[in-house]
Amino acid sequence: MFTMSTSGTAKAAGDYHHGNLREALVAAGLALLATQDSADISMRELARQVGVSPNATYRHFDSKEALLAAMASQGYRMLADAQKQAAMSCVHPVEMFMRSGCAYVDFARQHPALFRLMFSHFKVGSHSDEMKESGLLAYDGLRQGVAAALKLDPESDEVTIPAIHSWCLVHGLSMLILDGQLDEEMAGTSDIVQAVLIQAAVFGRQLAVWEKGT
């Protein structure tokens, strides 16, 4: 896991040995993103922060979009880890599912610019292989949680609709919060998230059963 802080000190170019400049640039990008509302990242500024020439950054990223994709990929891994850590503190499958959903919303609130980069900047067809792989981590965690809560096989087709339904609702709730469409009292309670998730899972399963029978 990369740190979200660069300690505020630019490193000398010689401090970065072969193989870790890429990670340093991603970490610096994430730290910079945490201070602003959008993914307006300057490659030149990142190079200055890590103490290398602008040209050196292109040895690892052929464009700013490639760097943003790497940052988004790290964001997916951070989100998946946050969900996993939240679920680990629970025993009951339903509580694990709800805690995981709350972690999703909390992540969006704590990392608004990164969250928007992950889910709004790139179209599905433009995802790099790294983004596809890391993005599946968060979705698979949600799918596992839905399956456990509904006592279903995670690989069953019956899990797909409840999982996507749950994701749509919790993601929509996250975006409503980020866009300032919910007041602070409502946006700050986990009860809203839990109610949304339970309804999503139950309705999603009912819908899956209904479609299977038609």
C-alpha atoms as a PDB file:
ATOM      1  CA  MET A   1       0.000   0.000   0.000  1.00  0.00           C
ATOM      2  CA  PHE A   2       1.417   3.345  -1.015  1.00  0.00           C
ATOM      3  CA  THR A   3       1.447   6.144   1.511  1.00  0.00           C
ATOM      4  CA  MET A   4      -0.790   9.134   0.883  1.00  0.00           C
ATOM      5  CA  SER A   5       1.910  11.454   2.202  1.00  0.00           C
ATOM      6  CA  THR A   6       5.186  12.484   0.625  1.00  0.00           C
ATOM      7  CA  SER A   7       6.391  14.119   3.882  1.00  0.00           C
ATOM      8  CA  GLY A   8       6.546  17.452   2.087  1.00  0.00           C
ATOM      9  CA  THR A   9      10.210  17.012   1.207  1.00  0.00           C
ATOM     10  CA  ALA A  10      11.463  16.708  -2.363  1.00  0.00           C
ATOM     11  CA  LYS A  11      13.915  13.855  -2.737  1.00  0.00           C
ATOM     12  CA  ALA A  12      17.093  14.098  -4.685  1.00  0.00           C
ATOM     13  CA  ALA A  13      17.056  12.280  -8.001  1.00  0.00           C
ATOM     14  CA  GLY A  14      19.687   9.871  -6.716  1.00  0.00           C
ATOM     15  CA  ASP A  15      17.441   8.802  -3.821  1.00  0.00           C
ATOM     16  CA  TYR A  16      15.185   6.937  -6.250  1.00  0.00           C
ATOM     17  CA  HIS A  17      16.820   3.757  -7.367  1.00  0.00           C
ATOM     18  CA  HIS A  18      15.821   1.890 -10.476  1.00  0.00           C
ATOM     19  CA  GLY A  19      12.381   0.354 -10.065  1.00  0.00           C
ATOM     20  CA  ASN A  20      10.749   2.640  -7.517  1.00  0.00           C
ATOM     21  CA  LEU A  21      10.398   5.950  -9.369  1.00  0.00           C
ATOM     22  CA  ARG A  22       7.054   4.760 -10.700  1.00  0.00           C
ATOM     23  CA  GLU A  23       5.757   4.151  -7.172  1.00  0.00           C
ATOM     24  CA  ALA A  24       7.131   7.498  -6.017  1.00  0.00           C
ATOM     25  CA  LEU A  25       5.294   9.324  -8.803  1.00  0.00           C
ATOM     26  CA  VAL A  26       2.031   7.538  -8.023  1.00  0.00           C
ATOM     27  CA  ALA A  27       2.385   8.323  -4.308  1.00  0.00           C
ATOM     28  CA  ALA A  28       3.150  11.973  -5.055  1.00  0.00           C
ATOM     29  CA  GLY A  29       0.176  12.116  -7.406  1.00  0.00           C
ATOM     30  CA  LEU A  30      -2.148  10.692  -4.770  1.00  0.00           C
ATOM     31  CA  ALA A  31      -0.850  13.132  -2.167  1.00  0.00           C
ATOM     32  CA  LEU A  32      -1.404  16.039  -4.552  1.00  0.00           C
ATOM     33  CA  LEU A  33      -4.859  14.763  -5.471  1.00  0.00           C
ATOM     34  CA  ALA A  34      -5.808  14.705  -1.788  1.00  0.00           C
ATOM     35  CA  THR A  35      -5.380  18.496  -1.648  1.00  0.00           C
ATOM     36  CA  GLN A  36      -7.653  19.362  -4.566  1.00  0.00           C
ATOM     37  CA  ASP A  37     -11.098  18.739  -6.014  1.00  0.00           C
ATOM     38  CA  SER A  38     -10.147  17.396  -9.435  1.00  0.00           C
ATOM     39  CA  ALA A  39      -7.526  15.285 -11.187  1.00  0.00           C
ATOM     40  CA  ASP A  40      -5.710  18.300 -12.592  1.00  0.00           C
ATOM     41  CA  ILE A  41      -2.241  16.843 -12.147  1.00  0.00           C
ATOM     42  CA  SER A  42       0.930  18.373 -13.584  1.00  0.00           C
ATOM     43  CA  MET A  43       3.642  15.891 -14.560  1.00  0.00           C
ATOM     44  CA  ARG A  44       6.201  18.665 -14.251  1.00  0.00           C
ATOM     45  CA  GLU A  45       5.070  19.442 -10.702  1.00  0.00           C
ATOM     46  CA  LEU A  46       5.241  15.787  -9.699  1.00  0.00           C
ATOM     47  CA  ALA A  47       8.738  15.537 -11.160  1.00  0.00           C
ATOM     48  CA  ARG A  48       9.749  18.562  -9.096  1.00  0.00           C
ATOM     49  CA  GLN A  49       8.285  17.030  -5.934  1.00  0.00           C
ATOM     50  CA  VAL A  50      10.155  13.756  -6.267  1.00  0.00           C
ATOM     51  CA  GLY A  51      13.343  15.475  -7.407  1.00  0.00           C
ATOM     52  CA  VAL A  52      13.719  14.215 -10.979  1.00  0.00           C
ATOM     53  CA  SER A  53      13.643  15.856 -14.380  1.00  0.00           C
ATOM     54  CA  PRO A  54      10.284  16.025 -16.224  1.00  0.00           C
ATOM     55  CA  ASN A  55      11.695  13.715 -18.890  1.00  0.00           C
ATOM     56  CA  ALA A  56      12.381  11.045 -16.272  1.00  0.00           C
ATOM     57  CA  THR A  57       8.665  10.666 -15.575  1.00  0.00           C
ATOM     58  CA  TYR A  58       8.072   9.498 -19.137  1.00  0.00           C
ATOM     59  CA  ARG A  59      10.283   6.470 -18.612  1.00  0.00           C
ATOM     60  CA  HIS A  60       7.409   5.024 -16.596  1.00  0.00           C
ATOM     61  CA  PHE A  61       4.356   6.859 -17.942  1.00  0.00           C
ATOM     62  CA  ASP A  62       4.076   7.795 -21.601  1.00  0.00           C
ATOM     63  CA  SER A  63       1.386  10.371 -20.821  1.00  0.00           C
ATOM     64  CA  LYS A  64      -0.467  12.014 -17.974  1.00  0.00           C
ATOM     65  CA  GLU A  65      -3.403   9.688 -18.673  1.00  0.00           C
ATOM     66  CA  ALA A  66      -1.162   6.698 -18.010  1.00  0.00           C
ATOM     67  CA  LEU A  67      -0.168   8.176 -14.649  1.00  0.00           C
ATOM     68  CA  LEU A  68      -3.807   8.900 -13.787  1.00  0.00           C
ATOM     69  CA  ALA A  69      -4.678   5.311 -14.670  1.00  0.00           C
ATOM     70  CA  ALA A  70      -2.001   4.059 -12.272  1.00  0.00           C
ATOM     71  CA  MET A  71      -3.347   6.366  -9.565  1.00  0.00           C
ATOM     72  CA  ALA A  72      -6.893   5.116 -10.164  1.00  0.00           C
ATOM     73  CA  SER A  73      -5.653   1.529  -9.959  1.00  0.00           C
ATOM     74  CA  GLN A  74      -4.086   2.250  -6.603  1.00  0.00           C
ATOM     75  CA  GLY A  75      -7.363   3.845  -5.546  1.00  0.00           C
ATOM     76  CA  TYR A  76      -9.231   0.631  -6.353  1.00  0.00           C
ATOM     77  CA  ARG A  77      -6.779  -1.340  -4.244  1.00  0.00           C
ATOM     78  CA  MET A  78      -7.168   1.126  -1.384  1.00  0.00           C
ATOM     79  CA  LEU A  79     -10.963   0.871  -1.622  1.00  0.00           C
ATOM     80  CA  ALA A  80     -10.895  -2.929  -1.665  1.00  0.00           C
ATOM     81  CA  ASP A  81      -8.582  -2.930   1.359  1.00  0.00           C
ATOM     82  CA  ALA A  82     -10.844  -0.503   3.244  1.00  0.00           C
ATOM     83  CA  GLN A  83     -13.849  -2.736   2.592  1.00  0.00           C
ATOM     84  CA  LYS A  84     -11.931  -5.835   3.632  1.00  0.00           C
ATOM     85  CA  GLN A  85     -10.699  -4.225   6.856  1.00  0.00           C
ATOM     86  CA  ALA A  86     -14.227  -3.072   7.724  1.00  0.00           C
ATOM     87  CA  ALA A  87     -15.686  -6.529   7.157  1.00  0.00           C
ATOM     88  CA  MET A  88     -12.950  -8.281   9.159  1.00  0.00           C
ATOM     89  CA  SER A  89     -14.239  -6.721  12.383  1.00  0.00           C
ATOM     90  CA  CYS A  90     -17.591  -8.510  12.007  1.00  0.00           C
ATOM     91  CA  VAL A  91     -18.808 -12.059  12.459  1.00  0.00           C
ATOM     92  CA  HIS A  92     -22.338 -12.050  11.046  1.00  0.00           C
ATOM     93  CA  PRO A  93     -22.424 -12.076   7.214  1.00  0.00           C
ATOM     94  CA  VAL A  94     -25.118  -9.396   7.001  1.00  0.00           C
ATOM     95  CA  GLU A  95     -23.133  -7.075   9.263  1.00  0.00           C
ATOM     96  CA  MET A  96     -20.013  -7.738   7.180  1.00  0.00           C
ATOM     97  CA  PHE A  97     -21.917  -6.781   4.049  1.00  0.00           C
ATOM     98  CA  MET A  98     -23.213  -3.558   5.599  1.00  0.00           C
ATOM     99  CA  ARG A  99     -19.832  -2.571   7.058  1.00  0.00           C
ATOM    100  CA  SER A 100     -18.274  -3.092   3.650  1.00  0.00           C
ATOM    101  CA  GLY A 101     -20.885  -0.792   2.102  1.00  0.00           C
ATOM    102  CA  CYS A 102     -20.279   1.852   4.752  1.00  0.00           C
ATOM    103  CA  ALA A 103     -16.552   1.623   4.011  1.00  0.00           C
ATOM    104  CA  TYR A 104     -17.307   2.306   0.339  1.00  0.00           C
ATOM    105  CA  VAL A 105     -19.160   5.515   1.186  1.00  0.00           C
ATOM    106  CA  ASP A 106     -16.555   6.539   3.760  1.00  0.00           C
ATOM    107  CA  PHE A 107     -13.822   6.087   1.164  1.00  0.00           C
ATOM    108  CA  ALA A 108     -15.664   8.377  -1.246  1.00  0.00           C
ATOM    109  CA  ARG A 109     -16.013  11.038   1.439  1.00  0.00           C
ATOM    110  CA  GLN A 110     -12.387  10.799   2.523  1.00  0.00           C
ATOM    111  CA  HIS A 111     -10.942  10.770  -1.011  1.00  0.00           C
ATOM    112  CA  PRO A 112     -13.408  12.724  -3.187  1.00  0.00           C
ATOM    113  CA  ALA A 113     -11.022  13.659  -5.999  1.00  0.00           C
ATOM    114  CA  LEU A 114      -9.541  10.169  -6.166  1.00  0.00           C
ATOM    115  CA  PHE A 115     -13.014   8.615  -6.103  1.00  0.00           C
ATOM    116  CA  ARG A 116     -14.119  10.775  -9.029  1.00  0.00           C
ATOM    117  CA  LEU A 117     -10.938   9.881 -10.889  1.00  0.00           C
ATOM    118  CA  MET A 118     -11.613   6.187 -10.363  1.00  0.00           C
ATOM    119  CA  PHE A 119     -15.232   6.228 -11.458  1.00  0.00           C
ATOM    120  CA  SER A 120     -15.782   9.291 -13.638  1.00  0.00           C
ATOM    121  CA  HIS A 121     -12.600  10.003 -15.594  1.00  0.00           C
ATOM    122  CA  PHE A 122     -12.194   6.781 -17.575  1.00  0.00           C
ATOM    123  CA  LYS A 123     -14.626   4.950 -19.821  1.00  0.00           C
ATOM    124  CA  VAL A 124     -14.821   1.174 -19.537  1.00  0.00           C
ATOM    125  CA  GLY A 125     -13.192   0.561 -22.904  1.00  0.00           C
ATOM    126  CA  SER A 126     -10.206   2.730 -22.006  1.00  0.00           C
ATOM    127  CA  HIS A 127      -9.246   0.883 -18.825  1.00  0.00           C
ATOM    128  CA  SER A 128      -5.691  -0.401 -18.680  1.00  0.00           C
ATOM    129  CA  ASP A 129      -5.054  -4.014 -17.705  1.00  0.00           C
ATOM    130  CA  GLU A 130      -3.954  -2.827 -14.267  1.00  0.00           C
ATOM    131  CA  MET A 131      -7.184  -0.870 -13.833  1.00  0.00           C
ATOM    132  CA  LYS A 132      -9.305  -3.846 -14.862  1.00  0.00           C
ATOM    133  CA  GLU A 133      -7.533  -6.128 -12.424  1.00  0.00           C
ATOM    134  CA  SER A 134      -7.582  -3.737  -9.473  1.00  0.00           C
ATOM    135  CA  GLY A 135     -11.133  -2.589 -10.208  1.00  0.00           C
ATOM    136  CA  LEU A 136     -12.356  -6.162  -9.930  1.00  0.00           C
ATOM    137  CA  LEU A 137     -10.980  -6.334  -6.389  1.00  0.00           C
ATOM    138  CA  ALA A 138     -13.568  -3.866  -5.092  1.00  0.00           C
ATOM    139  CA  TYR A 139     -16.420  -5.429  -7.066  1.00  0.00           C
ATOM    140  CA  ASP A 140     -15.477  -8.960  -6.047  1.00  0.00           C
ATOM    141  CA  GLY A 141     -15.441  -7.889  -2.412  1.00  0.00           C
ATOM    142  CA  LEU A 142     -18.963  -6.529  -2.764  1.00  0.00           C
ATOM    143  CA  ARG A 143     -20.099  -9.662  -4.590  1.00  0.00           C
ATOM    144  CA  GLN A 144     -18.666 -11.868  -1.843  1.00  0.00           C
ATOM    145  CA  GLY A 145     -20.473  -9.776   0.765  1.00  0.00           C
ATOM    146  CA  VAL A 146     -23.810 -10.027  -1.038  1.00  0.00           C
ATOM    147  CA  ALA A 147     -23.400 -13.779  -1.460  1.00  0.00           C
ATOM    148  CA  ALA A 148     -22.611 -14.254   2.230  1.00  0.00           C
ATOM    149  CA  ALA A 149     -25.516 -12.057   3.355  1.00  0.00           C
ATOM    150  CA  LEU A 150     -27.975 -13.900   1.106  1.00  0.00           C
ATOM    151  CA  LYS A 151     -26.402 -17.326   1.754  1.00  0.00           C
ATOM    152  CA  LEU A 152     -25.635 -17.904  -1.913  1.00  0.00           C
ATOM    153  CA  ASP A 153     -22.671 -19.264  -3.829  1.00  0.00           C
ATOM    154  CA  PRO A 154     -20.494 -16.255  -4.861  1.00  0.00           C
ATOM    155  CA  GLU A 155     -20.070 -17.835  -8.298  1.00  0.00           C
ATOM    156  CA  SER A 156     -23.809 -18.257  -8.801  1.00  0.00           C
ATOM    157  CA  ASP A 157     -25.545 -16.169 -11.463  1.00  0.00           C
ATOM    158  CA  GLU A 158     -28.169 -15.450  -8.829  1.00  0.00           C
ATOM    159  CA  VAL A 159     -25.679 -13.179  -7.054  1.00  0.00           C
ATOM    160  CA  THR A 160     -24.995 -10.927 -10.047  1.00  0.00           C
ATOM    161  CA  ILE A 161     -28.150  -8.798  -9.980  1.00  0.00           C
ATOM    162  CA  PRO A 162     -28.154  -8.219  -6.185  1.00  0.00           C
ATOM    163  CA  ALA A 163     -24.445  -7.345  -6.350  1.00  0.00           C
ATOM    164  CA  ILE A 164     -24.827  -4.854  -9.192  1.00  0.00           C
ATOM    165  CA  HIS A 165     -27.972  -3.424  -7.597  1.00  0.00           C
ATOM    166  CA  SER A 166     -26.156  -2.941  -4.294  1.00  0.00           C
ATOM    167  CA  TRP A 167     -23.198  -1.342  -6.046  1.00  0.00           C
ATOM    168  CA  CYS A 168     -25.417   1.053  -8.004  1.00  0.00           C
ATOM    169  CA  LEU A 169     -27.230   2.225  -4.891  1.00  0.00           C
ATOM    170  CA  VAL A 170     -24.212   2.623  -2.627  1.00  0.00           C
ATOM    171  CA  HIS A 171     -22.279   4.318  -5.427  1.00  0.00           C
ATOM    172  CA  GLY A 172     -25.209   6.613  -6.162  1.00  0.00           C
ATOM    173  CA  LEU A 173     -25.398   7.508  -2.481  1.00  0.00           C
ATOM    174  CA  SER A 174     -21.679   8.294  -2.504  1.00  0.00           C
ATOM    175  CA  MET A 175     -22.064  10.612  -5.488  1.00  0.00           C
ATOM    176  CA  LEU A 176     -25.060  12.377  -3.922  1.00  0.00           C
ATOM    177  CA  ILE A 177     -22.918  13.078  -0.874  1.00  0.00           C
ATOM    178  CA  LEU A 178     -19.943  14.289  -2.923  1.00  0.00           C
ATOM    179  CA  ASP A 179     -22.171  16.534  -5.026  1.00  0.00           C
ATOM    180  CA  GLY A 180     -23.695  18.100  -1.905  1.00  0.00           C
ATOM    181  CA  GLN A 181     -27.185  16.776  -2.560  1.00  0.00           C
ATOM    182  CA  LEU A 182     -27.664  15.404   0.967  1.00  0.00           C
ATOM    183  CA  ASP A 183     -27.510  17.489   4.126  1.00  0.00           C
ATOM    184  CA  GLU A 184     -24.732  16.779   6.611  1.00  0.00           C
ATOM    185  CA  GLU A 185     -26.959  15.023   9.147  1.00  0.00           C
ATOM    186  CA  MET A 186     -28.329  12.576   6.590  1.00  0.00           C
ATOM    187  CA  ALA A 187     -25.040  12.127   4.773  1.00  0.00           C
ATOM    188  CA  GLY A 188     -23.144  11.359   7.962  1.00  0.00           C
ATOM    189  CA  THR A 189     -25.163   8.424   9.250  1.00  0.00           C
ATOM    190  CA  SER A 190     -24.381   4.782   8.545  1.00  0.00           C
ATOM    191  CA  ASP A 191     -28.069   3.940   9.024  1.00  0.00           C
ATOM    192  CA  ILE A 192     -28.804   5.338   5.566  1.00  0.00           C
ATOM    193  CA  VAL A 193     -26.110   3.189   3.989  1.00  0.00           C
ATOM    194  CA  GLN A 194     -27.254   0.066   5.793  1.00  0.00           C
ATOM    195  CA  ALA A 195     -30.896   0.586   4.832  1.00  0.00           C
ATOM    196  CA  VAL A 196     -29.937   1.125   1.198  1.00  0.00           C
ATOM    197  CA  LEU A 197     -27.780  -1.999   1.116  1.00  0.00           C
ATOM    198  CA  ILE A 198     -30.330  -4.282   2.737  1.00  0.00           C
ATOM    199  CA  GLN A 199     -33.068  -3.133   0.373  1.00  0.00           C
ATOM    200  CA  ALA A 200     -30.725  -3.492  -2.587  1.00  0.00           C
ATOM    201  CA  ALA A 201     -29.698  -7.031  -1.705  1.00  0.00           C
ATOM    202  CA  VAL A 202     -33.201  -8.258  -0.915  1.00  0.00           C
ATOM    203  CA  PHE A 203     -34.842  -6.604  -3.918  1.00  0.00           C
ATOM    204  CA  GLY A 204     -32.009  -7.670  -6.183  1.00  0.00           C
ATOM    205  CA  ARG A 205     -32.437 -11.292  -5.195  1.00  0.00           C
ATOM    206  CA  GLN A 206     -36.198 -11.104  -5.686  1.00  0.00           C
ATOM    207  CA  LEU A 207     -35.638  -9.611  -9.124  1.00  0.00           C
ATOM    208  CA  ALA A 208     -33.135 -12.319 -10.022  1.00  0.00           C
ATOM    209  CA  VAL A 209     -35.568 -15.043  -8.971  1.00  0.00           C
ATOM    210  CA  TRP A 210     -38.376 -13.367 -10.918  1.00  0.00           C
ATOM    211  CA  GLU A 211     -36.280 -13.112 -14.079  1.00  0.00           C
ATOM    212  CA  LYS A 212     -35.167 -16.709 -13.719  1.00  0.00           C
ATOM    213  CA  GLY A 213     -38.774 -17.818 -13.600  1.00  0.00           C
ATOM    214  CA  THR A 214     -39.931 -15.854 -16.668  1.00  0.00           C
END
